[in-house]
């Protein structure tokens, strides 16, 4: 339970309280969601968070859950909880378009592993969420006919961030308390930061990516976007385990939530590279510095650490992710070039300039960077940074027609994200406040491989730092 001043997002616990007390059934909630899904895309401008949904599918899952509550045989804490999945995942019976107009011409017949797990937990999948085309950017700008531009619930004339754009918008707008995204260069954490919600990127391989388009096989992790850290912990505990169909996570240690609810942070050492930390807008920096002091006041000690070769690491990450995407999308690039957004074409064209030598050198850098981190994590439990160096950028009229391609923004927005993707360590972003313009600002904590539990523990304490939660200007209270 977290105390709230004024507005608070409706989370898993609120839904469970309604179901257990009989105040509402999952079927009634599903009807509310269907009404909202119809409404939010008729509004001006349309929200465009969920891009494919099916009334019949939603009601089937909700009715099954309602029966389980009636018979007192629920399946998990997610039973009856509305969730959505990024369009990068296969979800029956939707089209697996991955943000494009040319993929997924037929409805899917098999679920991705995470979709299967959510169904098995009794969750109600309300549809698939919008995304940046093929995950090639960090704004969420996708002007094509199936997708359009998702709006930031805090300020509808601003971007949501990407590439898991619709997932973050859906949670911030109250459509569902849980959404699943993928993160290869901040694609869960950037939109979660811009939309003022919690985003968790698991350790590389921790949550199965089987059944998602393998755009970049060495940088992408799967993770939940939720309204609270406690909800992220619940989803993480249900999804995190080895999957025989996904070799990267087979040798993982068991996921735990140990010490997550410890009363303080005594004994924890938090590493900060201050030069790196300060590379952000003044407004972001001032609130993030206060958040560090808050964590210190709870008994944690802050240790100054150098993060070596950051510039080399960032360049190497770009070479790895773009080379792998270019390799996987080679047939698409040749066959569907004209159907891609301009930004996608530009990024894939840039990627074709990298050589095999570049890719090999970049992977040598990865080995070095992982080595540095291994040493750093012998002295500290985690690394602190701001979430994103700036707040969500504005949407211009031209973006709606031709899309947006701003490489300097892309590079900047990924500044604090790439270390986690390149080396595979887990990271969480938690909203800690708002800019004078009313846009969310968030804080990031990264930990050593497989130590998501410490992120959740610190994340809970960061939530207490945020003295209020501002209500987004687009917010639907599904339980009202």
Protein backbone atom coordinates (compact mmCIF):
# COMPACT_ATOMS: atom_id res chain seq x y z
CA UNK A 1 0.00 0.00 0.00
CA UNK A 2 1.37 3.41 -0.90
CA UNK A 3 -0.16 6.53 0.68
CA UNK A 4 -1.37 8.97 -1.94
CA UNK A 5 -2.02 12.68 -1.92
CA UNK A 6 -4.88 13.46 -4.26
CA UNK A 7 -4.75 11.60 -7.56
CA UNK A 8 -3.33 8.11 -7.82
CA UNK A 9 -3.33 5.69 -10.73
CA UNK A 10 -5.61 2.67 -10.38
CA UNK A 11 -3.31 -0.31 -9.97
CA UNK A 12 -3.60 -4.10 -9.68
CA UNK A 13 -4.63 -3.87 -6.02
CA UNK A 14 -7.54 -1.52 -6.84
CA UNK A 15 -8.84 -3.99 -9.42
CA UNK A 16 -8.44 -6.94 -7.04
CA UNK A 17 -10.24 -5.08 -4.24
CA UNK A 18 -13.20 -4.45 -6.57
CA UNK A 19 -13.32 -8.09 -7.72
CA UNK A 20 -12.93 -9.61 -4.26
CA UNK A 21 -15.49 -7.35 -2.65
CA UNK A 22 -17.93 -7.98 -5.50
CA UNK A 23 -18.15 -4.25 -6.22
CA UNK A 24 -17.29 -4.96 -9.87
CA UNK A 25 -16.69 -8.12 -11.93
CA UNK A 26 -14.03 -8.51 -14.64
CA UNK A 27 -16.91 -8.58 -17.15
CA UNK A 28 -18.19 -5.19 -16.02
CA UNK A 29 -14.65 -3.81 -16.16
CA UNK A 30 -14.23 -5.23 -19.67
CA UNK A 31 -17.39 -3.44 -20.82
CA UNK A 32 -16.02 -0.18 -19.41
CA UNK A 33 -12.74 -0.73 -21.27
CA UNK A 34 -14.52 -1.44 -24.56
CA UNK A 35 -16.49 1.82 -24.18
CA UNK A 36 -13.25 3.68 -23.45
CA UNK A 37 -11.41 2.10 -26.41
CA UNK A 38 -14.20 3.31 -28.67
CA UNK A 39 -14.13 6.76 -27.10
CA UNK A 40 -10.39 7.44 -26.93
CA UNK A 41 -9.88 7.07 -30.67
CA UNK A 42 -12.83 9.30 -31.49
CA UNK A 43 -11.43 12.07 -29.30
CA UNK A 44 -9.48 14.99 -30.78
CA UNK A 45 -6.67 14.19 -31.15
CA UNK A 46 -7.12 10.40 -30.99
CA UNK A 47 -5.05 8.72 -28.24
CA UNK A 48 -3.87 5.86 -30.51
CA UNK A 49 -2.49 3.79 -27.60
CA UNK A 50 -4.17 0.48 -28.54
CA UNK A 51 -4.07 -0.14 -32.29
CA UNK A 52 -5.84 -3.53 -32.49
CA UNK A 53 -8.55 -4.83 -30.18
CA UNK A 54 -11.48 -7.19 -30.41
CA UNK A 55 -14.59 -6.82 -28.28
CA UNK A 56 -15.41 -10.54 -28.40
CA UNK A 57 -11.90 -11.59 -27.32
CA UNK A 58 -11.90 -9.14 -24.40
CA UNK A 59 -15.33 -10.32 -23.18
CA UNK A 60 -14.40 -14.02 -23.44
CA UNK A 61 -11.36 -13.60 -21.17
CA UNK A 62 -13.27 -11.35 -18.77
CA UNK A 63 -16.22 -13.74 -18.48
CA UNK A 64 -13.89 -16.66 -17.74
CA UNK A 65 -12.25 -14.56 -15.01
CA UNK A 66 -15.63 -13.52 -13.58
CA UNK A 67 -16.56 -17.22 -13.25
CA UNK A 68 -13.27 -17.92 -11.43
CA UNK A 69 -13.93 -15.13 -8.92
CA UNK A 70 -17.45 -16.46 -8.40
CA UNK A 71 -16.08 -19.98 -7.75
CA UNK A 72 -13.15 -18.65 -5.67
CA UNK A 73 -10.55 -20.35 -7.85
CA UNK A 74 -8.54 -17.46 -9.31
CA UNK A 75 -5.26 -18.17 -11.09
CA UNK A 76 -2.93 -15.38 -9.91
CA UNK A 77 -2.76 -11.72 -8.88
CA UNK A 78 -3.26 -10.90 -12.56
CA UNK A 79 -6.61 -12.71 -12.82
CA UNK A 80 -9.06 -10.28 -14.41
CA UNK A 81 -6.42 -7.54 -14.71
CA UNK A 82 -6.50 -5.70 -18.07
CA UNK A 83 -3.16 -5.81 -19.92
CA UNK A 84 -1.89 -4.92 -23.39
CA UNK A 85 1.17 -6.06 -25.31
CA UNK A 86 3.33 -4.11 -27.74
CA UNK A 87 2.59 -5.00 -31.37
CA UNK A 88 6.10 -6.50 -31.55
CA UNK A 89 4.67 -9.62 -29.83
CA UNK A 90 2.51 -12.25 -31.49
CA UNK A 91 -0.93 -12.20 -29.87
CA UNK A 92 -3.79 -14.33 -31.18
CA UNK A 93 -5.90 -13.26 -33.16
CA UNK A 94 -4.23 -9.91 -33.95
CA UNK A 95 -1.96 -8.97 -36.85
CA UNK A 96 1.74 -9.06 -35.98
CA UNK A 97 2.50 -5.79 -37.79
CA UNK A 98 5.37 -4.55 -35.60
CA UNK A 99 4.43 -0.96 -36.43
CA UNK A 100 4.54 -1.46 -40.21
CA UNK A 101 1.92 -1.56 -42.98
CA UNK A 102 3.40 -4.62 -44.70
CA UNK A 103 3.99 -7.26 -41.97
CA UNK A 104 1.33 -9.46 -40.35
CA UNK A 105 -0.99 -9.71 -43.34
CA UNK A 106 -2.81 -12.64 -41.69
CA UNK A 107 -4.11 -12.83 -38.08
CA UNK A 108 -1.71 -14.60 -35.68
CA UNK A 109 -2.41 -18.20 -34.78
CA UNK A 110 0.19 -18.61 -32.04
CA UNK A 111 0.96 -16.50 -28.97
CA UNK A 112 4.37 -15.21 -27.92
CA UNK A 113 5.57 -16.75 -24.62
CA UNK A 114 4.65 -13.65 -22.58
CA UNK A 115 1.13 -13.61 -24.07
CA UNK A 116 0.73 -17.32 -23.16
CA UNK A 117 1.91 -16.63 -19.60
CA UNK A 118 -0.47 -13.70 -19.18
CA UNK A 119 -3.39 -15.82 -20.38
CA UNK A 120 -2.36 -18.61 -18.03
CA UNK A 121 -2.33 -16.08 -15.16
CA UNK A 122 -5.93 -15.11 -16.04
CA UNK A 123 -5.13 -11.61 -17.35
CA UNK A 124 -7.55 -9.96 -19.77
CA UNK A 125 -5.60 -8.95 -22.90
CA UNK A 126 -7.34 -5.80 -24.16
CA UNK A 127 -5.39 -5.64 -27.42
CA UNK A 128 -1.99 -4.81 -28.88
CA UNK A 129 -0.41 -1.40 -28.42
CA UNK A 130 1.06 1.09 -30.85
CA UNK A 131 4.81 1.20 -31.45
CA UNK A 132 7.46 3.05 -33.37
CA UNK A 133 7.80 1.34 -36.79
CA UNK A 134 10.11 -1.69 -36.36
CA UNK A 135 11.35 -0.15 -33.11
CA UNK A 136 13.68 2.19 -35.01
CA UNK A 137 13.22 5.35 -32.95
CA UNK A 138 12.56 6.84 -29.54
CA UNK A 139 9.71 9.33 -30.19
CA UNK A 140 6.87 6.88 -30.96
CA UNK A 141 6.12 8.88 -34.13
CA UNK A 142 4.51 6.48 -36.61
CA UNK A 143 2.44 8.29 -39.26
CA UNK A 144 1.38 5.23 -41.28
CA UNK A 145 -2.27 4.35 -41.86
CA UNK A 146 -2.55 1.52 -39.30
CA UNK A 147 -0.87 3.30 -36.42
CA UNK A 148 -0.83 7.11 -36.38
CA UNK A 149 0.84 9.02 -33.59
CA UNK A 150 0.09 8.00 -30.00
CA UNK A 151 -0.43 10.98 -27.69
CA UNK A 152 1.21 11.65 -24.35
CA UNK A 153 -1.63 11.51 -21.77
CA UNK A 154 0.04 14.33 -19.79
CA UNK A 155 0.21 16.67 -22.80
CA UNK A 156 -1.48 15.38 -25.97
CA UNK A 157 0.60 17.66 -28.21
CA UNK A 158 3.78 15.92 -27.00
CA UNK A 159 5.26 12.54 -27.95
CA UNK A 160 4.98 9.47 -25.75
CA UNK A 161 8.55 8.32 -26.41
CA UNK A 162 9.30 4.98 -28.06
CA UNK A 163 9.47 2.44 -29.24
CA UNK A 164 6.94 0.92 -26.77
CA UNK A 165 4.89 4.09 -27.25
CA UNK A 166 1.33 2.77 -27.02
CA UNK A 167 2.17 0.59 -24.01
CA UNK A 168 3.22 3.62 -21.92
CA UNK A 169 0.32 5.75 -23.18
CA UNK A 170 -2.21 3.00 -22.34
CA UNK A 171 -0.99 2.76 -18.73
CA UNK A 172 -0.73 6.53 -18.21
CA UNK A 173 -4.24 7.05 -19.66
CA UNK A 174 -5.70 4.39 -17.33
CA UNK A 175 -6.74 1.95 -20.08
CA UNK A 176 -4.93 -0.86 -18.24
CA UNK A 177 -2.59 -0.99 -15.22
CA UNK A 178 -0.12 -3.30 -17.00
CA UNK A 179 1.51 -3.21 -20.44
CA UNK A 180 4.39 -5.23 -21.88
CA UNK A 181 7.15 -3.69 -23.98
CA UNK A 182 10.58 -4.51 -25.36
CA UNK A 183 13.72 -2.47 -24.73
CA UNK A 184 16.73 -2.52 -27.09
CA UNK A 185 17.81 1.10 -26.65
CA UNK A 186 15.50 2.36 -23.91
CA UNK A 187 12.25 1.34 -25.63
CA UNK A 188 10.46 0.51 -22.33
CA UNK A 189 12.20 3.08 -20.13
CA UNK A 190 12.01 6.14 -22.44
CA UNK A 191 8.22 6.04 -23.01
CA UNK A 192 7.62 5.13 -19.34
CA UNK A 193 9.71 8.20 -18.38
CA UNK A 194 7.95 10.55 -20.80
CA UNK A 195 4.49 9.31 -19.77
CA UNK A 196 5.11 9.41 -16.00
CA UNK A 197 4.82 5.69 -15.26
CA UNK A 198 7.17 2.91 -14.10
CA UNK A 199 9.20 0.93 -16.66
CA UNK A 200 11.30 -2.13 -15.84
CA UNK A 201 13.83 -3.58 -18.27
CA UNK A 202 14.74 -7.04 -17.06
CA UNK A 203 18.23 -8.51 -17.32
CA UNK A 204 18.95 -9.69 -20.88
CA UNK A 205 17.22 -13.08 -21.20
CA UNK A 206 15.29 -12.80 -17.89
CA UNK A 207 11.82 -12.61 -19.53
CA UNK A 208 11.37 -14.62 -22.72
CA UNK A 209 11.28 -12.67 -25.98
CA UNK A 210 10.14 -15.77 -27.91
CA UNK A 211 7.36 -14.79 -30.30
CA UNK A 212 8.48 -11.18 -30.67
CA UNK A 213 10.16 -10.08 -33.90
CA UNK A 214 13.90 -10.68 -33.25
CA UNK A 215 14.97 -7.23 -34.42
CA UNK A 216 18.20 -7.12 -32.40
CA UNK A 217 19.10 -10.37 -30.67
CA UNK A 218 21.87 -9.06 -28.39
CA UNK A 219 20.37 -5.86 -26.95
CA UNK A 220 16.63 -6.40 -26.46
CA UNK A 221 15.08 -7.23 -23.09
CA UNK A 222 11.38 -7.56 -22.27
CA UNK A 223 9.73 -5.76 -19.38
CA UNK A 224 6.52 -4.39 -17.90
CA UNK A 225 5.27 -0.81 -17.92
CA UNK A 226 3.01 -0.21 -14.90
CA UNK A 227 1.52 2.58 -12.84
CA UNK A 228 3.52 1.55 -9.75
CA UNK A 229 6.66 -0.31 -8.68
CA UNK A 230 4.58 -2.87 -6.75
CA UNK A 231 2.63 -3.70 -9.94
CA UNK A 232 5.89 -4.03 -11.90
CA UNK A 233 7.11 -6.48 -9.22
CA UNK A 234 3.95 -8.60 -9.55
CA UNK A 235 4.22 -8.79 -13.34
CA UNK A 236 7.97 -9.44 -13.18
CA UNK A 237 7.49 -12.31 -10.71
CA UNK A 238 4.97 -13.96 -13.05
CA UNK A 239 6.92 -13.51 -16.31
CA UNK A 240 10.53 -13.98 -15.20
CA UNK A 241 11.67 -17.56 -15.70
CA UNK A 242 13.55 -19.69 -18.22
CA UNK A 243 11.74 -20.55 -21.46
CA UNK A 244 12.94 -23.62 -23.40
CA UNK A 245 12.10 -21.73 -26.61
CA UNK A 246 14.38 -18.81 -25.69
CA UNK A 247 17.98 -19.97 -25.21
CA UNK A 248 19.37 -16.67 -23.83
CA UNK A 249 17.62 -17.01 -20.48
CA UNK A 250 18.01 -20.71 -19.80
CA UNK A 251 20.79 -20.49 -17.20
CA UNK A 252 19.22 -17.69 -15.13
CA UNK A 253 19.04 -17.86 -11.33
CA UNK A 254 15.57 -17.93 -9.78
CA UNK A 255 13.79 -14.56 -9.74
CA UNK A 256 13.16 -13.32 -6.21
CA UNK A 257 11.71 -10.21 -4.58
CA UNK A 258 14.00 -10.53 -1.55
CA UNK A 259 14.11 -7.53 0.83
CA UNK A 260 11.89 -5.61 -1.56
CA UNK A 261 9.76 -4.29 1.30
CA UNK A 262 12.62 -3.58 3.73
CA UNK A 263 11.75 -0.48 5.81
CA UNK A 264 14.88 1.42 4.75
CA UNK A 265 17.91 1.25 2.45
CA UNK A 266 20.56 0.66 5.12
CA UNK A 267 23.59 -1.20 3.84
CA UNK A 268 23.01 -0.34 0.18
CA UNK A 269 25.75 1.40 -1.78
CA UNK A 270 24.54 3.52 -4.68
CA UNK A 271 27.06 4.34 -7.39
CA UNK A 272 26.99 7.69 -9.21
CA UNK A 273 29.26 8.95 -11.98
CA UNK A 274 28.47 12.64 -11.44
CA UNK A 275 29.81 13.87 -14.78
CA UNK A 276 27.55 11.40 -16.59
CA UNK A 277 24.64 12.03 -14.19
CA UNK A 278 24.74 15.78 -14.85
CA UNK A 279 24.52 15.47 -18.64
CA UNK A 280 20.83 16.47 -18.69
CA UNK A 281 18.54 19.51 -18.66
CA UNK A 282 18.77 21.75 -15.57
CA UNK A 283 15.17 21.02 -14.57
CA UNK A 284 15.75 17.27 -14.75
CA UNK A 285 19.04 17.53 -12.88
CA UNK A 286 17.73 19.53 -9.94
CA UNK A 287 14.94 17.06 -9.13
CA UNK A 288 17.17 14.00 -9.73
CA UNK A 289 19.81 15.33 -7.33
CA UNK A 290 17.10 15.74 -4.67
CA UNK A 291 16.02 12.13 -5.29
CA UNK A 292 19.59 10.97 -4.57
CA UNK A 293 19.50 12.87 -1.27
CA UNK A 294 16.17 11.20 -0.46
CA UNK A 295 17.71 7.75 -0.96
CA UNK A 296 20.64 8.76 1.28
CA UNK A 297 18.22 9.89 3.99
CA UNK A 298 16.87 6.31 4.06
CA UNK A 299 20.27 4.91 5.01
CA UNK A 300 21.87 4.21 1.62
CA UNK A 301 25.36 5.52 1.00
CA UNK A 302 26.28 7.23 -2.27
CA UNK A 303 29.62 6.22 -3.73
CA UNK A 304 31.25 8.19 -6.52
CA UNK A 305 32.23 5.81 -9.34
CA UNK A 306 33.84 6.34 -12.73
CA UNK A 307 31.96 4.69 -15.64
CA UNK A 308 34.81 4.16 -18.10
CA UNK A 309 34.62 4.43 -21.91
CA UNK A 310 31.02 5.68 -22.00
CA UNK A 311 31.40 7.29 -25.40
CA UNK A 312 32.90 4.11 -26.88
CA UNK A 313 30.11 2.11 -25.26
CA UNK A 314 27.40 4.34 -26.76
CA UNK A 315 28.84 4.17 -30.29
CA UNK A 316 29.30 0.39 -29.97
CA UNK A 317 25.68 -0.04 -28.83
CA UNK A 318 24.42 1.84 -31.90
CA UNK A 319 26.61 -0.27 -34.18
CA UNK A 320 25.34 -3.52 -32.58
CA UNK A 321 21.63 -2.71 -32.52
CA UNK A 322 21.52 -1.18 -36.01
CA UNK A 323 23.70 -3.88 -37.61
CA UNK A 324 21.53 -6.63 -36.14
CA UNK A 325 18.32 -4.91 -37.26
CA UNK A 326 19.75 -4.30 -40.71
CA UNK A 327 20.76 -7.97 -40.96
CA UNK A 328 17.33 -9.21 -39.87
CA UNK A 329 15.45 -6.71 -42.04
CA UNK A 330 17.58 -7.17 -45.18
CA UNK A 331 14.70 -8.78 -47.17
CA UNK A 332 12.26 -6.09 -45.97
CA UNK A 333 14.69 -3.33 -46.90
CA UNK A 334 14.93 -4.71 -50.44
CA UNK A 335 11.26 -5.58 -50.89
CA UNK A 336 9.29 -3.07 -48.79
CA UNK A 337 11.55 0.00 -48.81
CA UNK A 338 8.82 2.23 -50.28
CA UNK A 339 6.30 1.17 -47.63
CA UNK A 340 8.53 2.09 -44.70
CA UNK A 341 8.43 5.44 -42.89
CA UNK A 342 11.16 7.87 -43.95
CA UNK A 343 12.89 7.64 -40.56
CA UNK A 344 13.04 3.83 -40.76
CA UNK A 345 14.58 4.01 -44.23
CA UNK A 346 17.15 6.55 -43.05
CA UNK A 347 18.16 4.46 -40.02
CA UNK A 348 18.44 1.23 -42.01
CA UNK A 349 20.39 3.02 -44.74
CA UNK A 350 22.76 4.36 -42.08
CA UNK A 351 23.08 0.84 -40.67
CA UNK A 352 24.18 -0.51 -44.04
CA UNK A 353 27.32 1.66 -43.77
CA UNK A 354 28.67 -0.36 -40.84
CA UNK A 355 31.17 -3.07 -41.71
CA UNK A 356 31.81 -6.52 -40.28
CA UNK A 357 34.93 -5.01 -38.73
CA UNK A 358 32.82 -2.33 -36.97
CA UNK A 359 30.50 -4.99 -35.59
CA UNK A 360 33.37 -7.14 -34.29
CA UNK A 361 35.07 -4.13 -32.69
CA UNK A 362 31.77 -3.10 -31.08
CA UNK A 363 31.38 -6.55 -29.54
CA UNK A 364 34.92 -6.38 -28.18
CA UNK A 365 33.87 -3.13 -26.54
CA UNK A 366 30.91 -4.97 -25.03
CA UNK A 367 33.25 -7.45 -23.38
CA UNK A 368 35.29 -4.54 -21.97
CA UNK A 369 32.21 -2.68 -20.74
CA UNK A 370 30.83 -5.80 -19.04
CA UNK A 371 34.21 -6.30 -17.37
CA UNK A 372 34.19 -2.72 -16.04
CA UNK A 373 30.69 -3.24 -14.66
CA UNK A 374 31.63 -6.51 -13.02
CA UNK A 375 34.32 -4.65 -11.08
CA UNK A 376 32.01 -1.72 -10.27
CA UNK A 377 29.35 -4.06 -8.88
CA UNK A 378 31.84 -5.49 -6.40
CA UNK A 379 31.83 -2.04 -4.72
CA UNK A 380 28.22 -0.83 -5.24
CA UNK A 381 24.75 -2.42 -5.41
CA UNK A 382 23.49 -0.21 -8.19
CA UNK A 383 24.10 2.74 -10.50
CA UNK A 384 21.90 5.85 -10.43
CA UNK A 385 21.16 8.19 -13.35
CA UNK A 386 18.31 10.41 -14.48
CA UNK A 387 15.79 8.54 -16.67
CA UNK A 388 15.90 10.67 -19.83
CA UNK A 389 17.94 13.92 -20.08
CA UNK A 390 14.88 15.95 -21.13
CA UNK A 391 11.08 15.85 -21.04
CA UNK A 392 8.86 14.64 -23.89
CA UNK A 393 9.30 16.65 -27.12
CA UNK A 394 6.50 18.47 -28.92
CA UNK A 395 4.59 17.03 -31.87
CA UNK A 396 4.59 19.32 -34.92
CA UNK A 397 2.00 19.35 -37.72
CA UNK A 398 4.52 17.98 -40.22
CA UNK A 399 5.20 14.96 -37.93
CA UNK A 400 1.61 13.81 -38.46
CA UNK A 401 2.09 13.61 -42.21
CA UNK A 402 5.70 12.62 -42.86
CA UNK A 403 6.90 11.48 -39.46
CA UNK A 404 9.84 12.87 -37.54
CA UNK A 405 13.52 12.12 -37.94
CA UNK A 406 15.74 13.84 -35.43
CA UNK A 407 18.92 11.85 -34.90
CA UNK A 408 20.31 14.24 -32.30
CA UNK A 409 17.15 13.77 -30.20
CA UNK A 410 17.33 9.97 -30.62
CA UNK A 411 20.95 9.90 -29.47
CA UNK A 412 20.24 12.23 -26.55
CA UNK A 413 17.13 10.38 -25.34
CA UNK A 414 19.12 7.11 -25.18
CA UNK A 415 22.02 8.63 -23.23
CA UNK A 416 21.28 6.93 -19.89
CA UNK A 417 19.69 3.85 -21.48
CA UNK A 418 22.38 2.31 -23.66
CA UNK A 419 24.59 0.97 -20.86
CA UNK A 420 21.80 -1.39 -19.75
CA UNK A 421 21.02 -2.59 -23.28
CA UNK A 422 24.64 -3.02 -24.33
CA UNK A 423 25.74 -5.00 -21.27
CA UNK A 424 22.40 -6.66 -20.42
CA UNK A 425 22.06 -5.29 -16.87
CA UNK A 426 18.52 -4.56 -15.60
CA UNK A 427 17.15 -1.06 -15.06
CA UNK A 428 14.01 0.58 -13.70
CA UNK A 429 12.66 4.10 -14.24
CA UNK A 430 10.36 5.69 -11.66
CA UNK A 431 8.58 9.06 -12.08
CA UNK A 432 9.82 11.49 -9.43
CA UNK A 433 8.24 14.81 -10.43
CA UNK A 434 7.23 17.20 -13.19
CA UNK A 435 8.72 20.05 -15.19
CA UNK A 436 7.29 23.58 -14.91
CA UNK A 437 5.39 22.75 -18.12
CA UNK A 438 3.77 19.78 -16.32
CA UNK A 439 5.66 17.01 -18.12
CA UNK A 440 6.92 13.97 -16.16
CA UNK A 441 10.56 13.61 -15.06
CA UNK A 442 11.93 10.24 -14.03
CA UNK A 443 14.89 8.63 -12.31
CA UNK A 444 16.74 5.44 -13.27
CA UNK A 445 18.34 2.72 -11.14
CA UNK A 446 20.45 -0.05 -12.72
CA UNK A 447 21.77 -3.14 -10.94
CA UNK A 448 24.01 -6.10 -11.64
CA UNK A 449 22.76 -8.97 -13.81
CA UNK A 450 19.74 -10.83 -12.34
CA UNK A 451 19.42 -8.45 -9.37
CA UNK A 452 16.05 -6.94 -10.27
CA UNK A 453 15.01 -7.31 -6.59
CA UNK A 454 17.26 -4.42 -5.49
CA UNK A 455 15.80 -2.20 -8.24
CA UNK A 456 12.28 -2.86 -6.97
CA UNK A 457 13.37 -2.18 -3.39
CA UNK A 458 14.89 1.20 -4.29
CA UNK A 459 12.02 1.93 -6.70
CA UNK A 460 9.47 1.67 -3.88
CA UNK A 461 11.44 4.25 -1.92
CA UNK A 462 11.70 6.59 -4.92
CA UNK A 463 7.91 6.57 -5.19
CA UNK A 464 7.75 8.03 -1.68
CA UNK A 465 9.96 10.90 -2.82
CA UNK A 466 7.27 12.03 -5.30
CA UNK A 467 5.07 14.05 -2.96
CA UNK A 468 2.17 14.05 -5.43
CA UNK A 469 1.08 12.34 -8.62
CA UNK A 470 -0.37 14.72 -11.17
CA UNK A 471 -3.40 13.50 -13.03
CA UNK A 472 -2.75 13.14 -16.78
CA UNK A 473 -4.96 15.38 -18.93
CA UNK A 474 -6.20 12.21 -20.66
CA UNK A 475 -7.18 9.73 -17.96
CA UNK A 476 -9.97 7.16 -17.88
CA UNK A 477 -11.01 5.73 -14.53
CA UNK A 478 -12.10 2.24 -15.59
CA UNK A 479 -13.25 1.38 -12.04
CA UNK A 480 -15.45 4.48 -11.57
